[in-house]
Amino acid sequence: MELLKQRIIEEGVILSDQVLKLDGLLNHQVDPQLTMEMGREFAARFKESGITRVLTVESSGIAVAFATAYELGVPLVFARRKKTLLAEEDAYCERVPSFTKGIVTDIMLSRQYLKSEDRVLFIDDIIANGDAARGLIKIIERSGAELVGLGIVIEKCFQAGARTIREQGITLESLVKIESLTNGTITFGE
C-alpha cells in the first residue's frame, strides 16, 4: 500500500534501529479513511477464505481489525490484556511478553466468542518478535477454531516474528514490510 508507506514516511518517528513510533497512524490517533482502506485491503486478500470471525489483541489492532471485519461482514473479537471484574474465570489465557511495552502480560479471550467451528482471521498492527501473535495462535488452537491467516499492517522484517509464524505454515499477509530503521532511515521491503 503506497499510501500507507507515504504516511509512515511523513508521520513515523524512528526512536531506534528497532522501534518506529506510529502514534499518529495506529497507536494513539486513528485516521478513519486510511484505516478503512487497510480493512478493505485485508478483506480483499482473505475474502475467499470463509472467515467467520476477525480476531485481534487490544488495543492498537482494534481499529484495523474492525475495518476488516466490517468489510467481511463478520464479528470482531479482541483479546483483552487486563482482567476485568466481569471476566470469565475459564476464559482462554496466555502469558505473552510485549516488545514495545517491555513487560509480560496475560491476554484473555472469552470462550463464548471463539468456537471450534470458527474460521479466524487474526489482524494486528505491527509484528516484531511475534510474541502476541504466538499467544493468540495458541488460544485459537485450544479453542479448536481454524486459523485462516494473519493480516499485519506493518511487518518488521529485521525481527523474527513474521518469519517464525510463516515457518509454522501459517499464511501471513503484510500491508507494508520494513527491512531496516538503521541510521534514522526507513527502508521498505517488497
N, C-alpha and C. Protein backbone atom coordinates (compact mmCIF):
# COMPACT_ATOMS: atom_id res chain seq x y z
N MET A 1 0.84 -1.19 0.00
CA MET A 1 0.00 0.00 0.00
C MET A 1 0.88 1.24 0.00
N GLU A 2 0.95 1.87 -1.14
CA GLU A 2 1.80 3.05 -1.29
C GLU A 2 1.36 4.20 -0.39
N LEU A 3 0.05 4.38 -0.24
CA LEU A 3 -0.46 5.44 0.64
C LEU A 3 0.03 5.24 2.06
N LEU A 4 -0.02 4.02 2.54
CA LEU A 4 0.44 3.72 3.90
C LEU A 4 1.94 3.98 4.03
N LYS A 5 2.72 3.57 3.04
CA LYS A 5 4.17 3.83 3.07
C LYS A 5 4.44 5.33 3.16
N GLN A 6 3.72 6.11 2.36
CA GLN A 6 3.91 7.56 2.36
C GLN A 6 3.58 8.15 3.73
N ARG A 7 2.50 7.68 4.34
CA ARG A 7 2.12 8.19 5.66
C ARG A 7 3.14 7.79 6.71
N ILE A 8 3.71 6.59 6.59
CA ILE A 8 4.75 6.16 7.53
C ILE A 8 5.96 7.07 7.41
N ILE A 9 6.35 7.39 6.20
CA ILE A 9 7.49 8.29 5.97
C ILE A 9 7.21 9.67 6.57
N GLU A 10 6.00 10.18 6.34
CA GLU A 10 5.63 11.52 6.79
C GLU A 10 5.45 11.62 8.31
N GLU A 11 4.88 10.57 8.92
CA GLU A 11 4.45 10.68 10.31
C GLU A 11 5.18 9.77 11.29
N GLY A 12 5.89 8.78 10.78
CA GLY A 12 6.60 7.87 11.67
C GLY A 12 7.80 8.54 12.30
N VAL A 13 8.08 8.18 13.54
CA VAL A 13 9.23 8.72 14.26
C VAL A 13 10.13 7.53 14.64
N ILE A 14 11.35 7.54 14.12
CA ILE A 14 12.28 6.46 14.41
C ILE A 14 12.92 6.75 15.76
N LEU A 15 12.67 5.87 16.73
CA LEU A 15 13.22 6.04 18.07
C LEU A 15 14.55 5.31 18.24
N SER A 16 14.74 4.24 17.46
CA SER A 16 15.99 3.49 17.48
C SER A 16 16.00 2.62 16.23
N ASP A 17 17.04 1.83 16.06
CA ASP A 17 17.07 0.94 14.89
C ASP A 17 16.12 -0.24 15.05
N GLN A 18 15.38 -0.30 16.18
CA GLN A 18 14.40 -1.36 16.43
C GLN A 18 12.97 -0.83 16.57
N VAL A 19 12.81 0.47 16.86
CA VAL A 19 11.49 0.99 17.22
C VAL A 19 11.09 2.17 16.33
N LEU A 20 9.89 2.03 15.75
CA LEU A 20 9.28 3.08 14.94
C LEU A 20 7.98 3.49 15.62
N LYS A 21 7.89 4.75 16.01
CA LYS A 21 6.70 5.26 16.69
C LYS A 21 5.69 5.71 15.64
N LEU A 22 4.48 5.15 15.72
CA LEU A 22 3.43 5.45 14.74
C LEU A 22 2.15 5.92 15.42
N ASP A 23 2.31 6.74 16.45
CA ASP A 23 1.15 7.20 17.22
C ASP A 23 0.12 7.93 16.37
N GLY A 24 0.55 8.67 15.37
CA GLY A 24 -0.38 9.44 14.55
C GLY A 24 -1.17 8.60 13.56
N LEU A 25 -0.79 7.33 13.39
CA LEU A 25 -1.47 6.45 12.43
C LEU A 25 -2.20 5.29 13.06
N LEU A 26 -1.58 4.67 14.08
CA LEU A 26 -2.10 3.40 14.57
C LEU A 26 -2.27 3.31 16.08
N ASN A 27 -1.41 3.95 16.83
CA ASN A 27 -1.31 3.64 18.25
C ASN A 27 -1.88 4.68 19.21
N HIS A 28 -2.22 5.83 18.72
CA HIS A 28 -2.78 6.85 19.61
C HIS A 28 -3.90 7.61 18.91
N GLN A 29 -3.66 7.90 17.66
CA GLN A 29 -4.65 8.56 16.81
C GLN A 29 -4.91 7.64 15.63
N VAL A 30 -6.16 7.60 15.17
CA VAL A 30 -6.52 6.75 14.05
C VAL A 30 -7.10 7.61 12.94
N ASP A 31 -6.61 7.40 11.73
CA ASP A 31 -7.15 8.05 10.54
C ASP A 31 -8.24 7.14 9.99
N PRO A 32 -9.51 7.51 10.11
CA PRO A 32 -10.59 6.61 9.70
C PRO A 32 -10.54 6.21 8.22
N GLN A 33 -10.23 7.14 7.33
CA GLN A 33 -10.19 6.81 5.91
C GLN A 33 -9.07 5.81 5.60
N LEU A 34 -7.89 6.06 6.14
CA LEU A 34 -6.76 5.16 5.92
C LEU A 34 -7.06 3.79 6.55
N THR A 35 -7.65 3.79 7.74
CA THR A 35 -7.96 2.55 8.42
C THR A 35 -8.97 1.72 7.62
N MET A 36 -9.98 2.36 7.08
CA MET A 36 -10.96 1.63 6.26
C MET A 36 -10.31 1.10 4.99
N GLU A 37 -9.38 1.84 4.43
CA GLU A 37 -8.66 1.37 3.24
C GLU A 37 -7.83 0.12 3.58
N MET A 38 -7.20 0.12 4.74
CA MET A 38 -6.44 -1.06 5.16
C MET A 38 -7.39 -2.25 5.36
N GLY A 39 -8.55 -2.00 5.95
CA GLY A 39 -9.53 -3.06 6.15
C GLY A 39 -10.01 -3.63 4.83
N ARG A 40 -10.24 -2.76 3.84
CA ARG A 40 -10.63 -3.24 2.51
C ARG A 40 -9.55 -4.11 1.89
N GLU A 41 -8.30 -3.71 2.07
CA GLU A 41 -7.19 -4.47 1.50
C GLU A 41 -7.10 -5.86 2.14
N PHE A 42 -7.18 -5.93 3.46
CA PHE A 42 -7.15 -7.24 4.12
C PHE A 42 -8.35 -8.09 3.70
N ALA A 43 -9.53 -7.48 3.64
CA ALA A 43 -10.73 -8.22 3.24
C ALA A 43 -10.56 -8.78 1.83
N ALA A 44 -9.99 -8.01 0.93
CA ALA A 44 -9.78 -8.49 -0.44
C ALA A 44 -8.81 -9.67 -0.46
N ARG A 45 -7.77 -9.60 0.35
CA ARG A 45 -6.77 -10.67 0.37
C ARG A 45 -7.30 -11.98 0.95
N PHE A 46 -8.29 -11.89 1.84
CA PHE A 46 -8.80 -13.08 2.52
C PHE A 46 -10.26 -13.39 2.22
N LYS A 47 -10.86 -12.71 1.25
CA LYS A 47 -12.31 -12.83 1.01
C LYS A 47 -12.77 -14.22 0.66
N GLU A 48 -11.94 -15.03 0.06
CA GLU A 48 -12.33 -16.38 -0.36
C GLU A 48 -12.08 -17.43 0.72
N SER A 49 -11.73 -17.00 1.92
CA SER A 49 -11.30 -17.94 2.97
C SER A 49 -12.41 -18.40 3.91
N GLY A 50 -13.63 -17.93 3.71
CA GLY A 50 -14.74 -18.36 4.56
C GLY A 50 -14.61 -17.94 6.01
N ILE A 51 -14.09 -16.76 6.24
CA ILE A 51 -13.85 -16.27 7.60
C ILE A 51 -15.18 -16.03 8.32
N THR A 52 -15.23 -16.46 9.59
CA THR A 52 -16.43 -16.24 10.41
C THR A 52 -16.19 -15.23 11.53
N ARG A 53 -14.91 -14.99 11.85
CA ARG A 53 -14.56 -14.01 12.89
C ARG A 53 -13.21 -13.39 12.57
N VAL A 54 -13.10 -12.10 12.88
CA VAL A 54 -11.81 -11.42 12.88
C VAL A 54 -11.41 -11.27 14.33
N LEU A 55 -10.15 -11.56 14.61
CA LEU A 55 -9.65 -11.56 15.98
C LEU A 55 -8.42 -10.67 16.07
N THR A 56 -8.27 -9.95 17.19
CA THR A 56 -7.08 -9.14 17.44
C THR A 56 -6.82 -9.09 18.94
N VAL A 57 -5.73 -8.41 19.29
CA VAL A 57 -5.38 -8.18 20.69
C VAL A 57 -5.54 -6.68 20.94
N GLU A 58 -6.15 -6.32 22.10
CA GLU A 58 -6.26 -4.89 22.37
C GLU A 58 -4.88 -4.29 22.56
N SER A 59 -4.65 -3.09 22.20
CA SER A 59 -5.63 -2.15 21.73
C SER A 59 -5.33 -1.63 20.33
N SER A 60 -4.07 -1.57 19.94
CA SER A 60 -3.72 -0.94 18.66
C SER A 60 -4.23 -1.67 17.43
N GLY A 61 -4.53 -2.95 17.53
CA GLY A 61 -5.04 -3.68 16.39
C GLY A 61 -6.54 -3.54 16.18
N ILE A 62 -7.25 -2.99 17.16
CA ILE A 62 -8.71 -2.98 17.11
C ILE A 62 -9.25 -2.19 15.92
N ALA A 63 -8.74 -1.02 15.64
CA ALA A 63 -9.30 -0.19 14.56
C ALA A 63 -9.20 -0.89 13.21
N VAL A 64 -8.04 -1.42 12.88
CA VAL A 64 -7.86 -2.09 11.58
C VAL A 64 -8.64 -3.39 11.56
N ALA A 65 -8.68 -4.11 12.66
CA ALA A 65 -9.47 -5.35 12.73
C ALA A 65 -10.95 -5.05 12.55
N PHE A 66 -11.42 -3.96 13.13
CA PHE A 66 -12.82 -3.55 12.96
C PHE A 66 -13.11 -3.27 11.49
N ALA A 67 -12.23 -2.51 10.84
CA ALA A 67 -12.44 -2.17 9.43
C ALA A 67 -12.47 -3.44 8.58
N THR A 68 -11.61 -4.39 8.89
CA THR A 68 -11.56 -5.66 8.16
C THR A 68 -12.84 -6.46 8.39
N ALA A 69 -13.25 -6.58 9.65
CA ALA A 69 -14.47 -7.31 9.98
C ALA A 69 -15.68 -6.67 9.30
N TYR A 70 -15.72 -5.36 9.30
CA TYR A 70 -16.82 -4.64 8.64
C TYR A 70 -16.88 -5.00 7.15
N GLU A 71 -15.74 -4.97 6.50
CA GLU A 71 -15.69 -5.28 5.07
C GLU A 71 -16.06 -6.74 4.79
N LEU A 72 -15.71 -7.64 5.70
CA LEU A 72 -16.03 -9.06 5.52
C LEU A 72 -17.43 -9.40 6.00
N GLY A 73 -18.05 -8.51 6.77
CA GLY A 73 -19.40 -8.76 7.29
C GLY A 73 -19.45 -9.81 8.38
N VAL A 74 -18.39 -9.84 9.22
CA VAL A 74 -18.31 -10.81 10.31
C VAL A 74 -18.01 -10.08 11.62
N PRO A 75 -18.22 -10.74 12.77
CA PRO A 75 -17.90 -10.10 14.05
C PRO A 75 -16.41 -9.91 14.26
N LEU A 76 -16.08 -8.90 15.03
CA LEU A 76 -14.73 -8.66 15.52
C LEU A 76 -14.70 -9.09 16.99
N VAL A 77 -13.67 -9.85 17.35
CA VAL A 77 -13.46 -10.24 18.73
C VAL A 77 -12.04 -9.83 19.09
N PHE A 78 -11.87 -9.25 20.28
CA PHE A 78 -10.50 -8.93 20.67
C PHE A 78 -10.17 -9.51 22.03
N ALA A 79 -8.93 -9.97 22.12
CA ALA A 79 -8.42 -10.49 23.39
C ALA A 79 -8.04 -9.30 24.26
N ARG A 80 -8.36 -9.40 25.52
CA ARG A 80 -8.05 -8.33 26.47
C ARG A 80 -6.68 -8.56 27.09
N ARG A 81 -6.03 -7.47 27.46
CA ARG A 81 -4.74 -7.55 28.13
C ARG A 81 -4.87 -7.39 29.64
N LYS A 82 -6.03 -6.98 30.10
CA LYS A 82 -6.24 -6.80 31.54
C LYS A 82 -7.52 -7.50 31.95
N LYS A 83 -7.44 -8.18 33.06
CA LYS A 83 -8.62 -8.85 33.59
C LYS A 83 -9.56 -7.81 34.20
N THR A 84 -10.85 -7.93 33.88
CA THR A 84 -11.84 -7.03 34.45
C THR A 84 -12.67 -7.78 35.49
N LEU A 85 -13.49 -7.05 36.20
CA LEU A 85 -14.36 -7.69 37.19
C LEU A 85 -15.37 -8.62 36.54
N LEU A 86 -15.66 -8.38 35.25
CA LEU A 86 -16.64 -9.19 34.54
C LEU A 86 -16.01 -10.35 33.77
N ALA A 87 -14.70 -10.50 33.85
CA ALA A 87 -14.02 -11.54 33.09
C ALA A 87 -14.44 -12.93 33.55
N GLU A 88 -14.55 -13.83 32.58
CA GLU A 88 -14.89 -15.22 32.89
C GLU A 88 -13.71 -15.90 33.54
N GLU A 89 -14.00 -16.75 34.51
CA GLU A 89 -12.93 -17.48 35.20
C GLU A 89 -12.24 -18.49 34.28
N ASP A 90 -13.01 -19.06 33.34
CA ASP A 90 -12.43 -20.09 32.47
C ASP A 90 -12.11 -19.56 31.07
N ALA A 91 -11.87 -18.28 30.94
CA ALA A 91 -11.51 -17.71 29.64
C ALA A 91 -10.17 -18.30 29.18
N TYR A 92 -9.97 -18.32 27.86
CA TYR A 92 -8.66 -18.71 27.33
C TYR A 92 -7.66 -17.65 27.78
N CYS A 93 -6.46 -18.07 28.19
CA CYS A 93 -5.47 -17.12 28.69
C CYS A 93 -4.07 -17.58 28.29
N GLU A 94 -3.24 -16.63 27.88
CA GLU A 94 -1.84 -16.89 27.56
C GLU A 94 -0.99 -15.74 28.08
N ARG A 95 0.16 -16.06 28.63
CA ARG A 95 1.14 -15.05 29.06
C ARG A 95 2.03 -14.73 27.86
N VAL A 96 2.16 -13.43 27.57
CA VAL A 96 2.99 -13.03 26.42
C VAL A 96 3.83 -11.80 26.78
N PRO A 97 5.09 -11.81 26.35
CA PRO A 97 5.90 -10.61 26.51
C PRO A 97 5.51 -9.58 25.44
N SER A 98 5.64 -8.31 25.76
CA SER A 98 5.40 -7.24 24.80
C SER A 98 6.72 -6.56 24.48
N PHE A 99 7.12 -6.62 23.21
CA PHE A 99 8.37 -5.98 22.78
C PHE A 99 8.31 -4.48 23.04
N THR A 100 7.22 -3.85 22.63
CA THR A 100 7.10 -2.39 22.74
C THR A 100 6.99 -1.92 24.18
N LYS A 101 6.19 -2.64 24.98
CA LYS A 101 5.96 -2.21 26.37
C LYS A 101 7.05 -2.70 27.32
N GLY A 102 7.79 -3.74 26.91
CA GLY A 102 8.85 -4.26 27.76
C GLY A 102 8.36 -4.98 29.00
N ILE A 103 7.14 -5.53 28.93
CA ILE A 103 6.56 -6.24 30.08
C ILE A 103 5.91 -7.54 29.59
N VAL A 104 5.57 -8.40 30.53
CA VAL A 104 4.82 -9.61 30.23
C VAL A 104 3.38 -9.39 30.68
N THR A 105 2.43 -9.72 29.81
CA THR A 105 1.02 -9.54 30.14
C THR A 105 0.27 -10.84 29.85
N ASP A 106 -0.91 -10.93 30.42
CA ASP A 106 -1.82 -12.01 30.07
C ASP A 106 -2.77 -11.50 29.00
N ILE A 107 -3.00 -12.31 27.97
CA ILE A 107 -4.08 -11.99 27.04
C ILE A 107 -5.19 -12.99 27.29
N MET A 108 -6.41 -12.48 27.36
CA MET A 108 -7.56 -13.31 27.71
C MET A 108 -8.65 -13.15 26.67
N LEU A 109 -9.32 -14.25 26.39
CA LEU A 109 -10.41 -14.25 25.41
C LEU A 109 -11.53 -15.13 25.93
N SER A 110 -12.73 -14.59 25.96
CA SER A 110 -13.89 -15.34 26.42
C SER A 110 -14.17 -16.52 25.49
N ARG A 111 -14.41 -17.67 26.10
CA ARG A 111 -14.75 -18.87 25.33
C ARG A 111 -16.05 -18.69 24.55
N GLN A 112 -16.87 -17.77 25.01
CA GLN A 112 -18.17 -17.51 24.39
C GLN A 112 -18.01 -16.99 22.95
N TYR A 113 -16.90 -16.32 22.66
CA TYR A 113 -16.76 -15.64 21.37
C TYR A 113 -15.81 -16.32 20.40
N LEU A 114 -15.35 -17.52 20.74
CA LEU A 114 -14.50 -18.27 19.84
C LEU A 114 -14.86 -19.75 19.96
N LYS A 115 -15.44 -20.28 18.89
CA LYS A 115 -15.95 -21.66 18.90
C LYS A 115 -15.15 -22.52 17.93
N SER A 116 -15.24 -23.83 18.12
CA SER A 116 -14.48 -24.77 17.29
C SER A 116 -14.86 -24.69 15.82
N GLU A 117 -16.06 -24.25 15.50
CA GLU A 117 -16.47 -24.16 14.09
C GLU A 117 -16.02 -22.86 13.41
N ASP A 118 -15.40 -21.96 14.15
CA ASP A 118 -14.97 -20.68 13.57
C ASP A 118 -13.75 -20.81 12.67
N ARG A 119 -13.76 -19.96 11.64
CA ARG A 119 -12.60 -19.77 10.76
C ARG A 119 -12.13 -18.34 11.00
N VAL A 120 -10.94 -18.21 11.56
CA VAL A 120 -10.49 -16.95 12.16
C VAL A 120 -9.41 -16.28 11.32
N LEU A 121 -9.57 -14.97 11.16
CA LEU A 121 -8.53 -14.12 10.59
C LEU A 121 -8.01 -13.24 11.72
N PHE A 122 -6.73 -13.34 12.00
CA PHE A 122 -6.08 -12.55 13.05
C PHE A 122 -5.47 -11.31 12.40
N ILE A 123 -5.89 -10.14 12.85
CA ILE A 123 -5.39 -8.87 12.34
C ILE A 123 -4.65 -8.15 13.46
N ASP A 124 -3.48 -7.57 13.13
CA ASP A 124 -2.76 -6.78 14.13
C ASP A 124 -2.01 -5.65 13.44
N ASP A 125 -1.58 -4.70 14.24
CA ASP A 125 -0.94 -3.50 13.69
C ASP A 125 0.50 -3.75 13.26
N ILE A 126 1.31 -4.28 14.16
CA ILE A 126 2.74 -4.46 13.89
C ILE A 126 3.17 -5.83 14.39
N ILE A 127 4.03 -6.49 13.63
CA ILE A 127 4.65 -7.71 14.14
C ILE A 127 6.15 -7.47 14.22
N ALA A 128 6.68 -7.67 15.44
CA ALA A 128 8.11 -7.55 15.69
C ALA A 128 8.64 -8.94 16.01
N ASN A 129 8.65 -9.29 17.28
CA ASN A 129 9.10 -10.62 17.69
C ASN A 129 8.01 -11.69 17.56
N GLY A 130 6.77 -11.26 17.47
CA GLY A 130 5.67 -12.19 17.25
C GLY A 130 5.11 -12.85 18.50
N ASP A 131 5.48 -12.35 19.67
CA ASP A 131 5.03 -13.00 20.91
C ASP A 131 3.52 -12.93 21.09
N ALA A 132 2.92 -11.77 20.85
CA ALA A 132 1.46 -11.65 20.99
C ALA A 132 0.77 -12.55 19.97
N ALA A 133 1.30 -12.59 18.76
CA ALA A 133 0.71 -13.45 17.72
C ALA A 133 0.78 -14.91 18.14
N ARG A 134 1.92 -15.35 18.63
CA ARG A 134 2.05 -16.75 19.05
C ARG A 134 1.10 -17.06 20.20
N GLY A 135 0.92 -16.12 21.12
CA GLY A 135 -0.02 -16.33 22.23
C GLY A 135 -1.44 -16.48 21.74
N LEU A 136 -1.84 -15.62 20.81
CA LEU A 136 -3.21 -15.70 20.28
C LEU A 136 -3.39 -16.95 19.42
N ILE A 137 -2.36 -17.35 18.70
CA ILE A 137 -2.42 -18.60 17.92
C ILE A 137 -2.66 -19.79 18.85
N LYS A 138 -2.00 -19.80 20.01
CA LYS A 138 -2.21 -20.89 20.98
C LYS A 138 -3.66 -20.90 21.46
N ILE A 139 -4.21 -19.72 21.70
CA ILE A 139 -5.61 -19.64 22.14
C ILE A 139 -6.53 -20.17 21.05
N ILE A 140 -6.29 -19.79 19.81
CA ILE A 140 -7.11 -20.27 18.70
C ILE A 140 -7.03 -21.80 18.61
N GLU A 141 -5.82 -22.33 18.72
CA GLU A 141 -5.64 -23.79 18.66
C GLU A 141 -6.40 -24.48 19.79
N ARG A 142 -6.31 -23.94 21.01
CA ARG A 142 -7.01 -24.56 22.14
C ARG A 142 -8.52 -24.54 21.96
N SER A 143 -9.02 -23.52 21.27
CA SER A 143 -10.47 -23.40 21.06
C SER A 143 -10.98 -24.41 20.04
N GLY A 144 -10.07 -24.94 19.22
CA GLY A 144 -10.48 -25.83 18.14
C GLY A 144 -10.85 -25.10 16.87
N ALA A 145 -10.85 -23.77 16.90
CA ALA A 145 -11.15 -22.98 15.70
C ALA A 145 -9.99 -23.12 14.70
N GLU A 146 -10.25 -22.73 13.46
CA GLU A 146 -9.23 -22.81 12.42
C GLU A 146 -8.68 -21.41 12.15
N LEU A 147 -7.38 -21.26 12.25
CA LEU A 147 -6.73 -20.00 11.90
C LEU A 147 -6.52 -19.97 10.40
N VAL A 148 -7.21 -19.07 9.72
CA VAL A 148 -7.10 -18.94 8.27
C VAL A 148 -5.82 -18.19 7.89
N GLY A 149 -5.47 -17.19 8.67
CA GLY A 149 -4.27 -16.43 8.39
C GLY A 149 -4.14 -15.21 9.28
N LEU A 150 -3.03 -14.51 9.09
CA LEU A 150 -2.76 -13.27 9.81
C LEU A 150 -2.65 -12.14 8.81
N GLY A 151 -3.23 -11.00 9.16
CA GLY A 151 -3.07 -9.77 8.40
C GLY A 151 -2.37 -8.78 9.30
N ILE A 152 -1.20 -8.34 8.88
CA ILE A 152 -0.38 -7.44 9.69
C ILE A 152 -0.19 -6.13 8.93
N VAL A 153 -0.46 -5.00 9.57
CA VAL A 153 -0.29 -3.72 8.91
C VAL A 153 1.18 -3.50 8.58
N ILE A 154 2.06 -3.63 9.57
CA ILE A 154 3.49 -3.38 9.35
C ILE A 154 4.30 -4.56 9.88
N GLU A 155 5.07 -5.14 9.00
CA GLU A 155 5.96 -6.24 9.34
C GLU A 155 7.38 -5.70 9.46
N LYS A 156 7.98 -5.89 10.63
CA LYS A 156 9.39 -5.53 10.82
C LYS A 156 10.21 -6.75 10.43
N CYS A 157 10.72 -6.74 9.20
CA CYS A 157 11.43 -7.91 8.66
C CYS A 157 12.74 -8.19 9.38
N PHE A 158 13.29 -7.19 10.06
CA PHE A 158 14.57 -7.36 10.76
C PHE A 158 14.39 -8.02 12.13
N GLN A 159 13.15 -8.31 12.49
CA GLN A 159 12.87 -9.07 13.70
C GLN A 159 12.18 -10.37 13.28
N ALA A 160 12.26 -11.39 14.08
CA ALA A 160 11.93 -12.76 13.66
C ALA A 160 10.46 -13.13 13.66
N GLY A 161 9.58 -12.28 14.17
CA GLY A 161 8.18 -12.66 14.37
C GLY A 161 7.47 -13.21 13.16
N ALA A 162 7.43 -12.47 12.07
CA ALA A 162 6.71 -12.91 10.88
C ALA A 162 7.33 -14.17 10.29
N ARG A 163 8.65 -14.22 10.26
CA ARG A 163 9.34 -15.39 9.70
C ARG A 163 8.98 -16.65 10.48
N THR A 164 8.99 -16.57 11.82
CA THR A 164 8.69 -17.77 12.61
C THR A 164 7.23 -18.20 12.46
N ILE A 165 6.33 -17.26 12.26
CA ILE A 165 4.92 -17.60 12.03
C ILE A 165 4.78 -18.31 10.68
N ARG A 166 5.42 -17.76 9.65
CA ARG A 166 5.36 -18.39 8.32
C ARG A 166 5.99 -19.78 8.34
N GLU A 167 7.05 -19.96 9.12
CA GLU A 167 7.70 -21.27 9.22
C GLU A 167 6.77 -22.33 9.80
N GLN A 168 5.72 -21.90 10.50
CA GLN A 168 4.72 -22.84 11.03
C GLN A 168 3.70 -23.22 9.96
N GLY A 169 3.86 -22.67 8.76
CA GLY A 169 2.92 -22.94 7.68
C GLY A 169 1.68 -22.07 7.71
N ILE A 170 1.72 -20.98 8.46
CA ILE A 170 0.58 -20.07 8.60
C ILE A 170 0.72 -18.94 7.58
N THR A 171 -0.37 -18.65 6.88
CA THR A 171 -0.39 -17.54 5.93
C THR A 171 -0.32 -16.22 6.69
N LEU A 172 0.63 -15.37 6.33
CA LEU A 172 0.77 -14.06 6.94
C LEU A 172 0.91 -13.03 5.82
N GLU A 173 -0.04 -12.11 5.76
CA GLU A 173 -0.05 -11.05 4.76
C GLU A 173 0.25 -9.72 5.44
N SER A 174 1.23 -9.00 4.92
CA SER A 174 1.59 -7.68 5.46
C SER A 174 1.25 -6.61 4.44
N LEU A 175 0.74 -5.48 4.92
CA LEU A 175 0.48 -4.36 4.01
C LEU A 175 1.77 -3.63 3.67
N VAL A 176 2.68 -3.53 4.65
CA VAL A 176 3.97 -2.87 4.45
C VAL A 176 5.03 -3.68 5.18
N LYS A 177 6.16 -3.86 4.51
CA LYS A 177 7.31 -4.52 5.13
C LYS A 177 8.42 -3.50 5.30
N ILE A 178 8.98 -3.47 6.51
CA ILE A 178 10.11 -2.59 6.79
C ILE A 178 11.33 -3.46 7.00
N GLU A 179 12.32 -3.26 6.16
CA GLU A 179 13.56 -4.04 6.21
C GLU A 179 14.53 -3.51 7.25
N SER A 180 14.52 -2.18 7.45
CA SER A 180 15.51 -1.58 8.34
C SER A 180 15.07 -0.20 8.81
N LEU A 181 15.54 0.15 10.00
CA LEU A 181 15.39 1.50 10.56
C LEU A 181 16.77 2.08 10.87
N THR A 182 17.81 1.51 10.27
CA THR A 182 19.19 1.88 10.56
C THR A 182 19.49 3.30 10.12
N ASN A 183 20.29 3.98 10.92
CA ASN A 183 20.74 5.36 10.65
C ASN A 183 19.58 6.34 10.46
N GLY A 184 18.48 6.09 11.16
CA GLY A 184 17.34 7.01 11.12
C GLY A 184 16.61 7.02 9.79
N THR A 185 16.76 5.95 9.01
CA THR A 185 16.11 5.86 7.70
C THR A 185 15.22 4.62 7.63
N ILE A 186 14.00 4.81 7.14
CA ILE A 186 13.08 3.69 6.94
C ILE A 186 13.38 3.07 5.57
N THR A 187 13.72 1.79 5.57
CA THR A 187 13.92 1.06 4.32
C THR A 187 12.82 0.03 4.19
N PHE A 188 12.00 0.19 3.14
CA PHE A 188 10.89 -0.72 2.91
C PHE A 188 11.35 -1.95 2.14
N GLY A 189 10.67 -3.06 2.36
CA GLY A 189 10.90 -4.30 1.64
C GLY A 189 9.80 -4.56 0.65
N GLU A 190 9.95 -5.61 -0.09
CA GLU A 190 8.95 -6.00 -1.11
C GLU A 190 7.89 -6.88 -0.51
